[in-house]
Amino acid sequence: MRARFEQVRSHLAGSQFLRKFLQTFSTRVLVMAIGMVTSIIVTRILGPEGRGAFALAMATGAVGVQLGNLGLHTANIFYAAKDPAKTPSLLGNTLLVGLGMGAVMGVGVFGALTWWPDLAPMTPTLLMTVMIWIPFGLVHLLLQNLLLGVHAVSIYNRNERLFSGSIFFLVAVAAVMGRVAVEVVVAFNLLATVLVVVTAVRHLIHHYGGAPRIDLGMLKGQLPYGLKSWLGSLVGFLLLRIDLFMINLLLDTTQAGLYAVAVAMGDLLFMVPSVMITLFFPEVTSKPDRISKWRILRRLLLVFSVMMIGLCLVAGLLAEPVLNLLYGDAFLPSAPAFLILLATVFGRSIIGLLAGFIGSFDIPRSGPLFGVALLLVNYWLNLQLIPLMGIEGAALTSVVCIIFQVAYNAFYVFLLVRFPNYVIRW
């Protein structure tokens, strides 16, 4: 096993994929550090209740982005990686769908929370800011994935640094002036998002074929693949975020703030595999045959499984002292939930690779149906476990759902590898 691991490591050492990984990983480390400092400043000033309100506001906006992207974030990578000459049309369609669907989702979120304010309580100013953020957040998502599709990894990383750096600068200035509030921090996220969108559009226009062109024919071709990805991603996103809303409904905002910190710590740890997953999909999509795709997947599964087991063990041992150091003793009750969520961090790493491999062929039609069934299981388990176990019950529910997702994706990988003529349908 050790010899095999060394062989894989030696092969990766000279690869272009590794260079992209290291470049992106270093950016993520910087972004993580900036984000952690920003989060600490915001959390210490706002406290558990304010931190919970901020988390709910951003989660609400993110739901709007997930509902409105129609899967084009994945389709942009898929089509751009296969033919970069289509970039102007992909850019035009990105702006059309991003701004158009984003506006629809923003109005929808506004109407839903006006009708049912207890789901995510917000002031009118905060709700309006979230509504405006959704279209730009959607365009931001689609543009970043388009950059990955044309292999503009350095520009993708530059935008990541620009986004987090801008928010940190604005929050730091507001903290010095004593003006930090939930509405202010969400507005800073909006400003940073707009800045990155403008930067990305300018780069794509200048380097990839000129002004954007709306191509409805191409958009029609993207939608079948994109919609399957959208439905799967939507369900996956809801599985990750529904816990927060249910904790807020079944417990209170303070408990939601504690759980949000546990989730945020898990997301920080997920940085390492997320870099690999981000780069893996365009890389494996560009490969011409099934054997070469499988070889890449097998190597990365081996290397990163070993790495993530080590990282999760270390994170578990350091959970309480790190929480106390970074967030203060008020957030120590987040530690048990974080320890449980470590299993989901590892599981999400495996799922990301397996799903990327499957998506380089096509996306199973059964994915959305499986996801809806899993969402119902998640909802039922949360109803049972949150009243009994608190936020630890929500974390345990996430672990159960992750296990089902790993098994589902592993089944399709087995079919693709074991049967050379297998074509993904259901």
Protein backbone atom coordinates (compact mmCIF):
# COMPACT_ATOMS: atom_id res chain seq x y z
CA MET A 1 0.00 0.00 0.00
CA ARG A 2 2.83 2.38 0.89
CA ALA A 3 4.63 1.62 -2.38
CA ARG A 4 1.43 2.28 -4.30
CA PHE A 5 0.93 5.58 -2.49
CA GLU A 6 4.49 6.66 -3.28
CA GLN A 7 4.01 5.74 -6.93
CA VAL A 8 0.88 7.88 -7.15
CA ARG A 9 2.53 10.77 -5.32
CA SER A 10 5.54 10.64 -7.69
CA HIS A 11 3.26 10.68 -10.74
CA LEU A 12 1.32 13.69 -9.48
CA ALA A 13 4.51 15.60 -8.61
CA GLY A 14 5.28 16.49 -12.21
CA SER A 15 1.75 17.05 -13.43
CA GLN A 16 0.13 20.30 -14.52
CA PHE A 17 -2.83 19.33 -12.35
CA LEU A 18 -0.61 19.45 -9.27
CA ARG A 19 0.69 22.90 -10.20
CA LYS A 20 -2.88 24.16 -10.55
CA PHE A 21 -3.74 22.51 -7.27
CA LEU A 22 -0.87 24.15 -5.43
CA GLN A 23 -1.70 27.55 -6.91
CA THR A 24 -5.35 27.22 -5.99
CA PHE A 25 -4.58 25.70 -2.61
CA SER A 26 -2.30 28.60 -1.69
CA THR A 27 -5.08 30.98 -2.68
CA ARG A 28 -7.55 29.06 -0.56
CA VAL A 29 -5.17 29.18 2.40
CA LEU A 30 -4.93 32.95 2.05
CA VAL A 31 -8.68 33.26 1.57
CA MET A 32 -9.25 31.00 4.58
CA ALA A 33 -6.97 33.12 6.74
CA ILE A 34 -8.67 36.33 5.63
CA GLY A 35 -12.10 34.78 6.05
CA MET A 36 -11.28 33.48 9.50
CA VAL A 37 -10.06 36.87 10.70
CA THR A 38 -13.14 38.51 9.17
CA SER A 39 -15.41 35.92 10.79
CA ILE A 40 -13.76 36.40 14.18
CA ILE A 41 -14.20 40.17 14.00
CA VAL A 42 -17.84 39.86 12.94
CA THR A 43 -18.64 37.10 15.46
CA ARG A 44 -17.05 38.82 18.44
CA ILE A 45 -18.86 42.07 17.69
CA LEU A 46 -22.25 40.60 16.79
CA GLY A 47 -22.27 37.74 19.35
CA PRO A 48 -24.10 34.41 18.93
CA GLU A 49 -27.49 35.96 18.12
CA GLY A 50 -26.11 38.44 15.60
CA ARG A 51 -23.89 35.76 14.08
CA GLY A 52 -26.95 33.55 13.71
CA ALA A 53 -28.90 36.36 12.03
CA PHE A 54 -26.01 36.97 9.61
CA ALA A 55 -25.77 33.25 8.82
CA LEU A 56 -29.50 33.07 8.13
CA ALA A 57 -29.35 36.12 5.85
CA MET A 58 -26.47 34.72 3.77
CA ALA A 59 -28.04 31.25 3.70
CA THR A 60 -31.27 32.83 2.42
CA GLY A 61 -29.40 34.59 -0.36
CA ALA A 62 -27.51 31.42 -1.21
CA VAL A 63 -30.82 29.54 -1.52
CA GLY A 64 -31.90 32.11 -4.11
CA VAL A 65 -28.66 31.58 -6.03
CA GLN A 66 -29.07 27.81 -5.97
CA LEU A 67 -32.68 28.02 -7.14
CA GLY A 68 -31.84 30.35 -10.03
CA ASN A 69 -28.66 28.94 -11.56
CA LEU A 70 -30.43 26.21 -13.60
CA GLY A 71 -27.27 24.10 -13.43
CA LEU A 72 -25.38 26.43 -15.77
CA HIS A 73 -22.47 26.62 -13.32
CA THR A 74 -21.71 22.97 -14.15
CA ALA A 75 -22.74 23.25 -17.80
CA ASN A 76 -20.39 26.22 -18.24
CA ILE A 77 -17.43 24.07 -17.18
CA PHE A 78 -18.60 21.11 -19.27
CA TYR A 79 -19.06 23.05 -22.52
CA ALA A 80 -16.15 25.49 -22.13
CA ALA A 81 -13.69 22.68 -21.37
CA LYS A 82 -14.73 20.89 -24.55
CA ASP A 83 -14.74 24.01 -26.81
CA PRO A 84 -13.28 27.33 -25.50
CA ALA A 85 -14.36 29.05 -28.74
CA LYS A 86 -17.90 29.07 -27.37
CA THR A 87 -16.89 31.40 -24.53
CA PRO A 88 -18.62 34.60 -25.85
CA SER A 89 -21.93 32.75 -26.16
CA LEU A 90 -21.47 31.11 -22.77
CA LEU A 91 -20.72 34.53 -21.27
CA GLY A 92 -23.82 36.09 -22.83
CA ASN A 93 -26.02 33.27 -21.59
CA THR A 94 -24.42 33.57 -18.14
CA LEU A 95 -25.34 37.24 -17.87
CA LEU A 96 -28.85 36.60 -19.21
CA VAL A 97 -29.63 33.78 -16.80
CA GLY A 98 -27.73 35.30 -13.89
CA LEU A 99 -29.37 38.71 -13.90
CA GLY A 100 -32.76 37.52 -15.15
CA MET A 101 -33.26 34.49 -12.94
CA GLY A 102 -31.46 36.24 -10.08
CA ALA A 103 -33.99 39.07 -10.17
CA VAL A 104 -36.86 36.57 -10.19
CA MET A 105 -35.35 34.70 -7.23
CA GLY A 106 -34.73 37.95 -5.35
CA VAL A 107 -38.36 38.97 -5.68
CA GLY A 108 -39.42 35.44 -4.75
CA VAL A 109 -37.32 35.46 -1.58
CA PHE A 110 -38.68 38.88 -0.66
CA GLY A 111 -42.24 37.70 -1.12
CA ALA A 112 -41.71 34.42 0.74
CA LEU A 113 -40.13 36.06 3.79
CA THR A 114 -42.71 38.82 3.82
CA TRP A 115 -45.40 36.13 3.91
CA TRP A 116 -43.54 33.85 6.37
CA PRO A 117 -41.12 36.05 8.34
CA ASP A 118 -40.48 33.48 11.09
CA LEU A 119 -38.48 31.31 8.68
CA ALA A 120 -35.59 33.80 8.63
CA PRO A 121 -36.37 36.97 10.64
CA MET A 122 -34.82 40.07 9.05
CA THR A 123 -35.19 43.81 9.17
CA PRO A 124 -36.58 45.41 5.98
CA THR A 125 -33.13 46.83 5.14
CA LEU A 126 -31.46 43.46 5.56
CA LEU A 127 -34.10 41.68 3.48
CA MET A 128 -33.76 44.26 0.68
CA THR A 129 -29.97 43.89 0.66
CA VAL A 130 -30.25 40.10 0.40
CA MET A 131 -32.74 40.49 -2.46
CA ILE A 132 -30.30 42.74 -4.39
CA TRP A 133 -27.36 40.43 -3.67
CA ILE A 134 -28.98 37.35 -5.23
CA PRO A 135 -28.63 38.34 -8.96
CA PHE A 136 -25.00 39.36 -8.53
CA GLY A 137 -24.26 36.29 -6.42
CA LEU A 138 -25.69 34.13 -9.20
CA VAL A 139 -23.64 35.84 -11.92
CA HIS A 140 -20.55 35.50 -9.71
CA LEU A 141 -21.10 31.74 -9.40
CA LEU A 142 -21.58 31.24 -13.14
CA LEU A 143 -18.59 33.41 -14.12
CA GLN A 144 -16.17 31.69 -11.77
CA ASN A 145 -17.13 28.31 -13.21
CA LEU A 146 -16.79 29.65 -16.75
CA LEU A 147 -13.24 30.72 -15.92
CA LEU A 148 -12.49 27.19 -14.73
CA GLY A 149 -13.92 25.77 -17.95
CA VAL A 150 -11.51 27.79 -20.09
CA HIS A 151 -8.68 26.82 -17.71
CA ALA A 152 -8.15 30.42 -16.53
CA VAL A 153 -7.21 29.12 -13.09
CA SER A 154 -4.99 32.09 -12.24
CA ILE A 155 -7.83 34.56 -12.89
CA TYR A 156 -10.22 32.39 -10.92
CA ASN A 157 -7.81 32.52 -7.99
CA ARG A 158 -7.28 36.25 -8.34
CA ASN A 159 -11.03 36.80 -8.09
CA GLU A 160 -11.18 34.65 -4.96
CA ARG A 161 -8.49 36.80 -3.33
CA LEU A 162 -10.19 40.00 -4.45
CA PHE A 163 -13.54 38.94 -3.00
CA SER A 164 -12.32 37.94 0.46
CA GLY A 165 -9.82 40.80 0.67
CA SER A 166 -12.46 43.38 -0.16
CA ILE A 167 -14.82 42.11 2.53
CA PHE A 168 -12.03 42.04 5.12
CA PHE A 169 -11.00 45.61 4.31
CA LEU A 170 -14.55 46.92 4.53
CA VAL A 171 -15.30 45.04 7.78
CA ALA A 172 -12.04 46.24 9.34
CA VAL A 173 -12.81 49.86 8.48
CA ALA A 174 -16.35 49.52 9.83
CA ALA A 175 -15.03 47.90 13.04
CA VAL A 176 -12.65 50.80 13.63
CA MET A 177 -15.52 53.22 13.11
CA GLY A 178 -17.82 51.18 15.37
CA ARG A 179 -20.34 50.62 12.58
CA VAL A 180 -20.44 46.80 12.33
CA ALA A 181 -24.01 45.45 12.13
CA VAL A 182 -25.63 42.52 10.36
CA GLU A 183 -27.01 44.77 7.59
CA VAL A 184 -23.60 46.38 7.07
CA VAL A 185 -21.73 43.07 6.74
CA VAL A 186 -24.25 41.73 4.22
CA ALA A 187 -23.93 44.99 2.22
CA PHE A 188 -20.15 44.51 2.17
CA ASN A 189 -20.67 41.05 0.68
CA LEU A 190 -22.81 42.66 -2.02
CA LEU A 191 -20.15 45.26 -2.88
CA ALA A 192 -17.39 42.63 -3.06
CA THR A 193 -19.53 40.42 -5.30
CA VAL A 194 -20.21 43.26 -7.75
CA LEU A 195 -16.50 44.08 -7.92
CA VAL A 196 -15.55 40.49 -8.79
CA VAL A 197 -18.32 40.23 -11.41
CA VAL A 198 -17.07 43.34 -13.22
CA THR A 199 -13.48 42.07 -13.13
CA ALA A 200 -14.38 38.63 -14.48
CA VAL A 201 -16.52 39.98 -17.33
CA ARG A 202 -13.77 42.35 -18.44
CA HIS A 203 -11.21 39.54 -18.52
CA LEU A 204 -13.41 37.17 -20.50
CA ILE A 205 -14.27 39.87 -23.05
CA HIS A 206 -10.63 40.87 -23.57
CA HIS A 207 -9.12 37.37 -23.74
CA TYR A 208 -11.77 34.97 -25.02
CA GLY A 209 -13.40 36.21 -28.19
CA GLY A 210 -14.85 39.66 -27.57
CA ALA A 211 -18.24 40.90 -26.41
CA PRO A 212 -20.78 38.48 -24.94
CA ARG A 213 -23.41 37.09 -27.29
CA ILE A 214 -26.74 35.67 -26.22
CA ASP A 215 -27.15 32.33 -27.99
CA LEU A 216 -30.56 30.84 -27.21
CA GLY A 217 -29.79 27.77 -29.31
CA MET A 218 -26.75 26.99 -27.21
CA LEU A 219 -28.67 27.75 -24.04
CA LYS A 220 -31.29 25.22 -25.10
CA GLY A 221 -28.51 22.68 -25.56
CA GLN A 222 -27.02 23.44 -22.15
CA LEU A 223 -30.27 23.13 -20.25
CA PRO A 224 -30.79 19.32 -20.29
CA TYR A 225 -27.37 18.71 -18.75
CA GLY A 226 -27.59 21.80 -16.58
CA LEU A 227 -31.05 21.10 -15.20
CA LYS A 228 -30.06 17.62 -14.05
CA SER A 229 -27.03 19.15 -12.35
CA TRP A 230 -29.19 21.94 -10.94
CA LEU A 231 -31.71 19.59 -9.38
CA GLY A 232 -28.94 17.47 -7.88
CA SER A 233 -27.02 20.48 -6.61
CA LEU A 234 -30.18 22.08 -5.22
CA VAL A 235 -31.02 19.01 -3.19
CA GLY A 236 -27.40 18.68 -2.06
CA PHE A 237 -27.32 22.32 -1.03
CA LEU A 238 -30.58 22.03 0.88
CA LEU A 239 -29.22 18.97 2.65
CA LEU A 240 -26.30 21.07 3.85
CA ARG A 241 -28.35 24.10 4.86
CA ILE A 242 -31.77 22.86 5.97
CA ASP A 243 -30.34 21.97 9.39
CA LEU A 244 -29.70 25.64 10.13
CA PHE A 245 -33.27 26.66 9.33
CA MET A 246 -34.75 23.78 11.33
CA ILE A 247 -32.58 24.58 14.36
CA ASN A 248 -33.82 28.15 14.17
CA LEU A 249 -37.44 26.96 14.00
CA LEU A 250 -37.23 24.17 16.61
CA LEU A 251 -34.77 25.82 19.00
CA ASP A 252 -33.71 29.49 18.70
CA THR A 253 -31.38 31.91 16.91
CA THR A 254 -28.61 31.45 19.49
CA GLN A 255 -28.48 27.70 18.83
CA ALA A 256 -28.48 28.47 15.10
CA GLY A 257 -25.45 30.70 15.67
CA LEU A 258 -23.63 27.91 17.53
CA TYR A 259 -24.39 25.43 14.77
CA ALA A 260 -23.35 27.97 12.11
CA VAL A 261 -19.90 28.18 13.71
CA ALA A 262 -19.59 24.36 13.75
CA VAL A 263 -20.56 24.25 10.07
CA ALA A 264 -18.14 27.10 9.28
CA MET A 265 -15.29 25.20 10.95
CA GLY A 266 -16.15 22.14 8.86
CA ASP A 267 -16.23 24.25 5.71
CA LEU A 268 -12.76 25.58 6.51
CA LEU A 269 -11.45 22.04 6.83
CA PHE A 270 -13.16 21.13 3.56
CA MET A 271 -10.92 23.67 1.83
CA VAL A 272 -8.30 21.04 0.92
CA PRO A 273 -10.56 18.57 -0.90
CA SER A 274 -12.67 21.38 -2.37
CA VAL A 275 -9.62 22.64 -4.27
CA MET A 276 -9.06 19.21 -5.74
CA ILE A 277 -12.75 18.80 -6.58
CA THR A 278 -12.86 22.26 -8.21
CA LEU A 279 -10.00 21.39 -10.57
CA PHE A 280 -10.89 17.73 -11.05
CA PHE A 281 -14.11 18.18 -13.03
CA PRO A 282 -12.73 20.25 -15.96
CA GLU A 283 -9.64 18.01 -15.99
CA VAL A 284 -11.52 14.72 -16.15
CA THR A 285 -14.09 16.11 -18.61
CA SER A 286 -11.35 16.91 -21.12
CA LYS A 287 -10.06 13.32 -21.13
CA PRO A 288 -11.07 11.37 -24.25
CA ASP A 289 -11.65 7.88 -22.87
CA ARG A 290 -13.01 6.03 -19.86
CA ILE A 291 -9.72 4.44 -18.84
CA SER A 292 -7.85 7.73 -18.50
CA LYS A 293 -10.72 9.19 -16.51
CA TRP A 294 -10.68 6.25 -14.11
CA ARG A 295 -6.92 6.47 -13.62
CA ILE A 296 -7.17 10.09 -12.48
CA LEU A 297 -10.03 9.32 -10.11
CA ARG A 298 -8.26 6.31 -8.59
CA ARG A 299 -5.07 8.25 -7.91
CA LEU A 300 -6.82 11.17 -6.30
CA LEU A 301 -9.06 8.95 -4.18
CA LEU A 302 -6.01 7.24 -2.71
CA VAL A 303 -3.99 10.37 -1.98
CA PHE A 304 -6.78 12.50 -0.60
CA SER A 305 -8.44 9.77 1.46
CA VAL A 306 -5.22 9.37 3.43
CA MET A 307 -4.82 13.14 3.69
CA MET A 308 -8.38 13.80 4.86
CA ILE A 309 -8.31 11.08 7.51
CA GLY A 310 -5.22 12.73 8.99
CA LEU A 311 -6.70 16.23 8.81
CA CYS A 312 -9.97 15.15 10.44
CA LEU A 313 -8.14 13.43 13.30
CA VAL A 314 -6.03 16.52 13.99
CA ALA A 315 -9.07 18.81 13.75
CA GLY A 316 -10.97 16.66 16.22
CA LEU A 317 -8.16 16.81 18.77
CA LEU A 318 -7.85 20.59 18.48
CA ALA A 319 -11.55 21.45 18.23
CA GLU A 320 -12.18 22.91 21.69
CA PRO A 321 -8.95 24.92 22.09
CA VAL A 322 -9.31 26.35 18.59
CA LEU A 323 -12.94 27.34 19.16
CA ASN A 324 -12.05 28.98 22.46
CA LEU A 325 -9.11 30.83 20.94
CA LEU A 326 -10.86 32.06 17.83
CA TYR A 327 -14.46 32.64 18.92
CA GLY A 328 -14.40 32.72 22.71
CA ASP A 329 -15.87 30.41 25.34
CA ALA A 330 -19.42 31.40 24.35
CA PHE A 331 -19.01 29.13 21.31
CA LEU A 332 -17.54 26.08 23.06
CA PRO A 333 -20.96 24.32 22.87
CA SER A 334 -20.31 24.14 19.09
CA ALA A 335 -17.52 21.58 19.63
CA PRO A 336 -19.61 18.36 19.91
CA ALA A 337 -21.52 19.19 16.72
CA PHE A 338 -18.25 19.95 14.93
CA LEU A 339 -16.79 16.58 15.94
CA ILE A 340 -19.79 14.81 14.45
CA LEU A 341 -19.63 16.95 11.28
CA LEU A 342 -16.06 15.80 10.65
CA ALA A 343 -17.53 12.64 9.17
CA THR A 344 -19.47 14.75 6.68
CA VAL A 345 -16.31 16.61 5.68
CA PHE A 346 -14.64 13.33 4.75
CA GLY A 347 -17.79 12.05 3.03
CA ARG A 348 -18.22 15.23 0.99
CA SER A 349 -14.63 14.86 -0.22
CA ILE A 350 -15.34 11.39 -1.60
CA ILE A 351 -18.69 12.44 -3.07
CA GLY A 352 -17.10 15.38 -4.90
CA LEU A 353 -14.64 13.12 -6.72
CA LEU A 354 -17.16 10.40 -7.53
CA ALA A 355 -19.75 12.91 -8.80
CA GLY A 356 -17.13 14.68 -10.94
CA PHE A 357 -16.17 11.41 -12.58
CA ILE A 358 -19.82 10.55 -13.27
CA GLY A 359 -20.57 14.07 -14.55
CA SER A 360 -17.78 13.89 -17.12
CA PHE A 361 -20.01 11.35 -18.94
CA ASP A 362 -23.50 12.56 -18.09
CA ILE A 363 -25.73 13.04 -15.05
CA PRO A 364 -28.14 10.25 -14.05
CA ARG A 365 -31.81 11.13 -14.26
CA SER A 366 -32.33 9.32 -10.97
CA GLY A 367 -30.21 11.89 -9.12
CA PRO A 368 -32.98 14.40 -8.37
CA LEU A 369 -35.39 11.65 -7.31
CA PHE A 370 -32.80 10.16 -4.99
CA GLY A 371 -32.05 13.62 -3.63
CA VAL A 372 -35.70 14.39 -2.89
CA ALA A 373 -36.05 11.08 -1.05
CA LEU A 374 -32.91 11.87 0.94
CA LEU A 375 -34.20 15.36 1.71
CA LEU A 376 -37.37 13.85 3.18
CA VAL A 377 -35.25 11.50 5.29
CA ASN A 378 -33.18 14.47 6.43
CA TYR A 379 -36.29 16.44 7.37
CA TRP A 380 -37.81 13.54 9.31
CA LEU A 381 -34.57 12.77 11.16
CA ASN A 382 -34.13 16.43 12.09
CA LEU A 383 -37.66 16.55 13.48
CA GLN A 384 -36.84 13.55 15.67
CA LEU A 385 -33.27 14.31 16.71
CA ILE A 386 -33.07 18.10 17.15
CA PRO A 387 -35.60 18.20 20.03
CA LEU A 388 -33.81 15.24 21.67
CA MET A 389 -30.14 16.09 21.04
CA GLY A 390 -30.08 19.76 20.04
CA ILE A 391 -27.56 20.80 17.40
CA GLU A 392 -25.75 17.46 17.76
CA GLY A 393 -28.90 15.79 16.43
CA ALA A 394 -28.76 17.96 13.31
CA ALA A 395 -25.11 17.03 12.81
CA LEU A 396 -25.87 13.32 13.16
CA THR A 397 -28.65 13.65 10.59
CA SER A 398 -26.13 15.10 8.14
CA VAL A 399 -23.81 12.12 8.66
CA VAL A 400 -26.58 9.64 7.85
CA CYS A 401 -27.43 11.49 4.63
CA ILE A 402 -23.78 11.66 3.58
CA ILE A 403 -23.46 7.88 3.91
CA PHE A 404 -26.41 7.39 1.55
CA GLN A 405 -24.88 9.85 -0.96
CA VAL A 406 -21.52 8.08 -0.99
CA ALA A 407 -23.21 4.74 -1.68
CA TYR A 408 -25.33 6.20 -4.50
CA ASN A 409 -22.37 7.74 -6.33
CA ALA A 410 -20.15 4.70 -5.79
CA PHE A 411 -22.80 2.55 -7.48
CA TYR A 412 -22.64 4.58 -10.72
CA VAL A 413 -18.84 4.67 -10.69
CA PHE A 414 -18.88 0.87 -10.41
CA LEU A 415 -21.19 0.59 -13.44
CA LEU A 416 -19.02 2.93 -15.54
CA VAL A 417 -15.77 1.17 -14.66
CA ARG A 418 -17.01 -2.41 -14.66
CA PHE A 419 -19.03 -2.22 -17.91
CA PRO A 420 -17.15 -0.36 -20.72
CA ASN A 421 -20.28 0.06 -22.85
CA TYR A 422 -22.50 1.33 -20.06
CA VAL A 423 -24.29 4.59 -20.91
CA ILE A 424 -25.75 6.71 -18.12
CA ARG A 425 -29.49 7.13 -18.33
CA TRP A 426 -31.31 6.42 -15.09
